Protein backbone atom coordinates (compact mmCIF):
# COMPACT_ATOMS: atom_id res chain seq x y z
CA MET A 1 136.68 32.18 -41.00
CA THR A 2 136.45 29.37 -38.50
CA GLY A 3 139.54 30.90 -36.53
CA HIS A 4 138.03 34.39 -36.38
CA LEU A 5 134.62 32.82 -35.06
CA THR A 6 136.51 31.04 -32.30
CA THR A 7 138.43 34.08 -31.57
CA ALA A 8 135.31 35.86 -31.05
CA ILE A 9 133.57 33.23 -28.91
CA THR A 10 136.56 33.20 -26.54
CA ALA A 11 136.77 36.90 -26.23
CA TYR A 12 133.13 37.26 -25.26
CA ARG A 13 133.50 34.54 -22.72
CA ARG A 14 136.33 36.49 -21.41
CA PHE A 15 134.37 39.86 -21.39
CA ALA A 16 131.46 37.93 -19.44
CA ALA A 17 133.59 36.44 -16.93
CA HIS A 18 135.23 39.60 -16.09
CA ALA A 19 131.75 41.66 -16.14
CA SER A 20 130.38 39.10 -13.74
CA SER A 21 132.51 40.55 -10.78
CA ALA A 22 133.01 44.09 -12.26
CA ASP A 23 131.99 47.46 -10.47
CA PRO A 24 129.34 48.83 -12.98
CA THR A 25 130.21 52.42 -11.95
CA VAL A 26 133.69 52.07 -13.07
CA ASP A 27 134.57 54.52 -15.93
CA THR A 28 136.19 53.02 -19.01
CA ARG A 29 138.35 54.39 -21.61
CA LEU A 30 135.51 55.42 -23.87
CA ALA A 31 134.35 58.83 -23.17
CA GLY A 32 131.08 59.24 -21.03
CA TRP A 33 130.94 55.29 -20.70
CA ARG A 34 130.90 53.23 -17.33
CA VAL A 35 131.42 49.63 -17.14
CA ASP A 36 127.58 49.35 -17.07
CA ASP A 37 127.42 51.00 -20.60
CA LEU A 38 129.93 48.76 -22.08
CA VAL A 39 128.12 45.95 -20.89
CA GLU A 40 124.80 46.99 -22.14
CA HIS A 41 126.47 47.53 -25.56
CA VAL A 42 128.29 44.25 -25.63
CA THR A 43 125.19 42.40 -24.51
CA TRP A 44 123.16 44.05 -27.43
CA GLY A 45 126.25 43.59 -29.98
CA ALA A 46 126.61 39.82 -29.20
CA ALA A 47 122.78 39.05 -29.55
CA MET A 48 122.72 41.06 -32.75
CA GLU A 49 125.47 38.98 -34.25
CA ALA A 50 124.24 35.89 -33.08
CA ASP A 51 120.89 36.76 -34.89
CA ALA A 52 122.92 37.64 -37.84
CA LEU A 53 124.84 34.39 -38.16
CA GLY A 54 121.37 32.45 -37.44
CA ALA A 55 119.88 34.06 -40.50
CA ALA A 56 123.15 33.35 -42.74
CA LEU A 57 122.51 29.79 -41.87
CA GLY A 58 118.83 30.12 -42.94
CA GLU A 59 117.12 30.13 -39.60
CA ALA A 60 114.01 31.88 -38.85
CA PRO A 61 114.43 34.59 -36.16
CA GLY A 62 112.76 33.38 -32.89
CA PRO A 63 111.20 35.56 -30.15
CA ALA A 64 113.53 38.23 -29.04
CA PRO A 65 113.43 38.92 -25.36
CA ALA A 66 115.90 41.55 -24.02
CA PRO A 67 118.65 39.43 -23.26
CA ASP A 68 121.06 39.60 -20.46
CA LEU A 69 125.08 39.38 -20.97
CA PRO A 70 125.40 35.70 -20.25
CA GLY A 71 122.71 34.87 -22.44
CA ALA A 72 123.61 37.01 -25.38
CA VAL A 73 127.08 35.46 -25.29
CA ALA A 74 125.84 31.76 -24.89
CA ALA A 75 123.67 32.51 -27.93
CA PHE A 76 126.72 33.93 -29.86
CA ALA A 77 128.78 30.90 -29.08
CA ASP A 78 126.32 28.21 -30.06
CA VAL A 79 125.41 29.61 -33.52
CA ALA A 80 129.01 30.92 -34.15
CA ALA A 81 130.11 27.30 -33.59
CA ARG A 82 127.47 26.07 -35.81
CA VAL A 83 128.48 28.27 -38.52
CA ALA A 84 132.05 27.34 -38.30
CA GLY A 85 130.92 23.75 -38.80
CA ALA A 86 128.75 24.38 -41.78
CA ASN A 87 131.57 25.09 -44.33
CA LEU A 88 129.34 28.08 -45.58
CA ASP A 89 130.63 29.96 -48.66
CA PRO A 90 132.78 32.66 -47.48
CA GLU A 91 130.71 34.87 -49.85
CA SER A 92 127.60 34.15 -47.73
CA PRO A 93 125.79 37.46 -47.11
CA VAL A 94 125.36 38.50 -43.35
CA ALA A 95 123.06 41.29 -42.84
CA LEU A 96 124.09 44.03 -40.01
CA PRO A 97 122.52 47.14 -39.03
CA ALA A 98 125.33 49.10 -41.03
CA GLY A 99 124.89 47.05 -44.19
CA THR A 100 125.50 43.36 -45.77
CA VAL A 101 128.90 42.03 -45.53
CA PRO A 102 130.30 38.87 -46.77
CA MET A 103 130.91 35.92 -43.93
CA ALA A 104 134.57 36.39 -44.84
CA TYR A 105 134.58 39.97 -43.32
CA ALA A 106 131.74 39.45 -40.59
CA ALA A 107 133.80 36.55 -38.91
CA PRO A 108 136.87 38.77 -38.53
CA LEU A 109 134.62 41.91 -37.42
CA PHE A 110 132.95 39.95 -34.83
CA ALA A 111 136.38 38.88 -33.44
CA PHE A 112 137.44 42.47 -33.66
CA GLU A 113 134.44 43.78 -31.62
CA ALA A 114 134.45 41.12 -29.01
CA ALA A 115 138.40 41.36 -28.85
CA LEU A 116 138.31 45.43 -28.58
CA HIS A 117 135.34 45.27 -26.10
CA ALA A 118 137.08 42.80 -23.73
CA SER A 119 140.36 44.85 -24.03
CA ASP A 120 138.04 48.01 -22.98
CA LEU A 121 136.97 46.22 -20.11
CA ALA A 122 140.28 44.87 -18.83
CA HIS A 123 141.85 48.33 -18.88
CA ALA A 124 138.92 49.86 -17.03
CA LEU A 125 139.46 47.34 -14.32
CA GLY A 126 143.19 47.52 -14.15
CA GLU A 127 143.99 44.33 -15.80
CA ASP A 128 146.35 43.57 -18.88
CA ASP A 129 144.31 44.86 -21.86
CA THR A 130 146.83 43.59 -24.42
CA LEU A 131 145.22 42.01 -27.56
CA GLY A 132 146.35 38.45 -28.72
CA ALA A 133 148.08 37.41 -31.88
CA ALA A 134 144.67 35.69 -33.08
CA GLU A 135 142.55 38.99 -32.04
CA LEU A 136 145.34 41.22 -33.88
CA ALA A 137 144.85 39.14 -36.99
CA ALA A 138 141.16 39.66 -37.14
CA CYS A 139 141.89 43.51 -36.56
CA ALA A 140 144.41 43.37 -39.32
CA VAL A 141 141.45 42.29 -41.61
CA VAL A 142 138.92 44.68 -40.49
CA VAL A 143 141.06 48.08 -39.44
CA GLY A 144 141.40 49.16 -43.15
CA PRO A 145 137.77 48.73 -44.35
CA MET A 146 136.37 50.26 -41.06
CA LEU A 147 138.56 53.34 -41.86
CA ASP A 148 137.06 53.65 -45.29
CA LEU A 149 133.75 53.39 -43.75
CA LEU A 150 134.33 56.06 -41.08
CA ALA A 151 136.30 58.56 -43.18
CA THR A 152 134.83 62.01 -43.24
CA GLY A 153 135.66 65.42 -44.33
CA SER A 154 139.56 65.81 -45.25
CA PRO A 155 141.96 68.95 -44.28
CA ALA A 156 142.16 71.50 -47.22
CA GLU A 157 145.69 71.00 -47.38
CA PRO A 158 147.08 67.74 -49.37
CA THR A 159 147.80 65.24 -46.71
CA VAL A 160 148.89 61.50 -46.74
CA ILE A 161 149.07 59.47 -43.41
CA ASP A 162 150.73 56.22 -43.30
CA LEU A 163 149.91 53.53 -40.59
CA ILE A 164 152.52 51.06 -40.05
CA GLY A 165 152.38 48.17 -37.37
CA LEU A 166 149.02 46.15 -37.88
CA GLY A 167 149.28 43.92 -40.72
CA ASP A 168 150.04 45.49 -43.97
CA PRO A 169 150.84 49.18 -43.82
CA ILE A 170 147.95 51.28 -44.79
CA ARG A 171 148.14 54.77 -46.77
CA LEU A 172 145.33 57.28 -46.30
CA SER A 173 145.26 60.10 -48.76
CA ALA A 174 143.05 63.21 -48.50
CA THR A 175 141.94 64.16 -52.05
CA GLY A 176 139.74 66.98 -52.13
CA ARG A 177 136.79 66.15 -49.81
CA ALA A 178 137.41 62.35 -49.70
CA TRP A 179 139.96 59.95 -48.21
CA ARG A 180 141.48 57.11 -50.40
CA ARG A 181 143.18 54.07 -48.81
CA SER A 182 145.99 52.21 -50.56
CA THR A 183 149.31 50.74 -49.88
CA PRO A 184 152.42 52.86 -49.04
CA ASP A 185 154.66 53.52 -52.07
CA SER A 186 158.17 55.13 -52.31
CA ASN A 187 156.27 58.65 -52.14
CA PRO A 188 156.92 60.06 -48.59
CA ALA A 189 153.66 60.50 -46.24
CA THR A 190 152.91 63.88 -44.86
CA THR A 191 152.66 61.72 -41.61
CA THR A 192 153.60 58.32 -40.46
CA ILE A 193 152.40 56.81 -37.51
CA ARG A 194 154.15 53.64 -36.20
CA GLY A 195 153.42 51.22 -33.17
CA THR A 196 152.92 47.57 -32.28
CA ALA A 197 149.89 45.84 -34.00
CA HIS A 198 148.09 46.48 -30.49
CA GLN A 199 148.93 50.20 -30.60
CA ILE A 200 147.59 50.83 -33.90
CA THR A 201 144.54 48.97 -33.43
CA LEU A 202 143.98 51.23 -30.23
CA PHE A 203 144.88 54.14 -31.93
CA ALA A 204 142.72 53.84 -35.03
CA CYS A 205 139.73 53.15 -32.61
CA GLY A 206 140.30 56.11 -30.69
CA ARG A 207 141.29 54.32 -27.33
CA ILE A 208 145.09 55.99 -27.38
CA GLY A 209 146.23 59.01 -29.12
CA ALA A 210 149.37 60.07 -31.17
CA ASP A 211 151.39 60.93 -28.26
CA ASP A 212 151.40 57.17 -27.31
CA LEU A 213 153.07 56.14 -30.61
CA HIS A 214 155.74 57.24 -32.69
CA VAL A 215 154.84 59.67 -35.38
CA ASP A 216 157.19 61.17 -38.16
CA GLY A 217 156.53 64.10 -40.37
CA ASP A 218 153.78 66.52 -39.35
CA PRO A 219 152.19 65.70 -36.03
CA GLY A 220 149.13 67.59 -36.68
CA PRO A 221 147.34 64.85 -38.78
CA ALA A 222 148.02 62.30 -36.28
CA ARG A 223 146.62 64.44 -33.42
CA ARG A 224 143.45 65.03 -35.48
CA PHE A 225 143.06 61.55 -36.55
CA LYS A 226 139.64 61.11 -35.12
CA GLU A 227 138.42 64.09 -36.23
CA PHE A 228 139.11 62.51 -40.03
CA PHE A 229 137.90 59.14 -38.84
CA PRO A 230 135.34 59.23 -36.04
CA GLY A 231 134.30 56.27 -33.99
CA PRO A 232 134.06 53.21 -33.40
């Protein structure tokens, strides 16, 4: 938990440092978003997460002026460091706009968010966008449950997608109108998608497409993946 919060602090600070000299009008790999849109989103996200961590510590919310990016990142770093030193129960609830999650999931979620958007910004600026080992460790915790949350209408035909390369392999099976996540077994998948941990993270989050990975079996479900799991 502490390690994930440290990873989040580092990634948010890296994002802020790069954003300080970036051209705000440059397009990003997120459809319709320029650098200034990404900065606005990260400013909101870091401030929201700081408030959520403060509430988990039992702190009453203070006045909420619209923060700028350096202020939001500084607030997050301050409260995240205090949470890391507080030895909170991993099951401590953290209230987020999408719902309440335990601290054991919130910490890697925040690292995932910070790292992914730092990668988005680096990519837009033509710099190295590779996620680091600690960042990918957070992604491995977050991506499976994230896909559960994002899952929407499944194809009419039975479909089994295996994602291999990020932490434990993930099997996504279409059962009627729903998807079910499990661990791959001896039964073959309809579609198997393989890549590095970095590539699988970017693919699951819609940053790259199936043509950037190794796909075995039916390529259709791989190409339609974000139709089934839209966002984030």
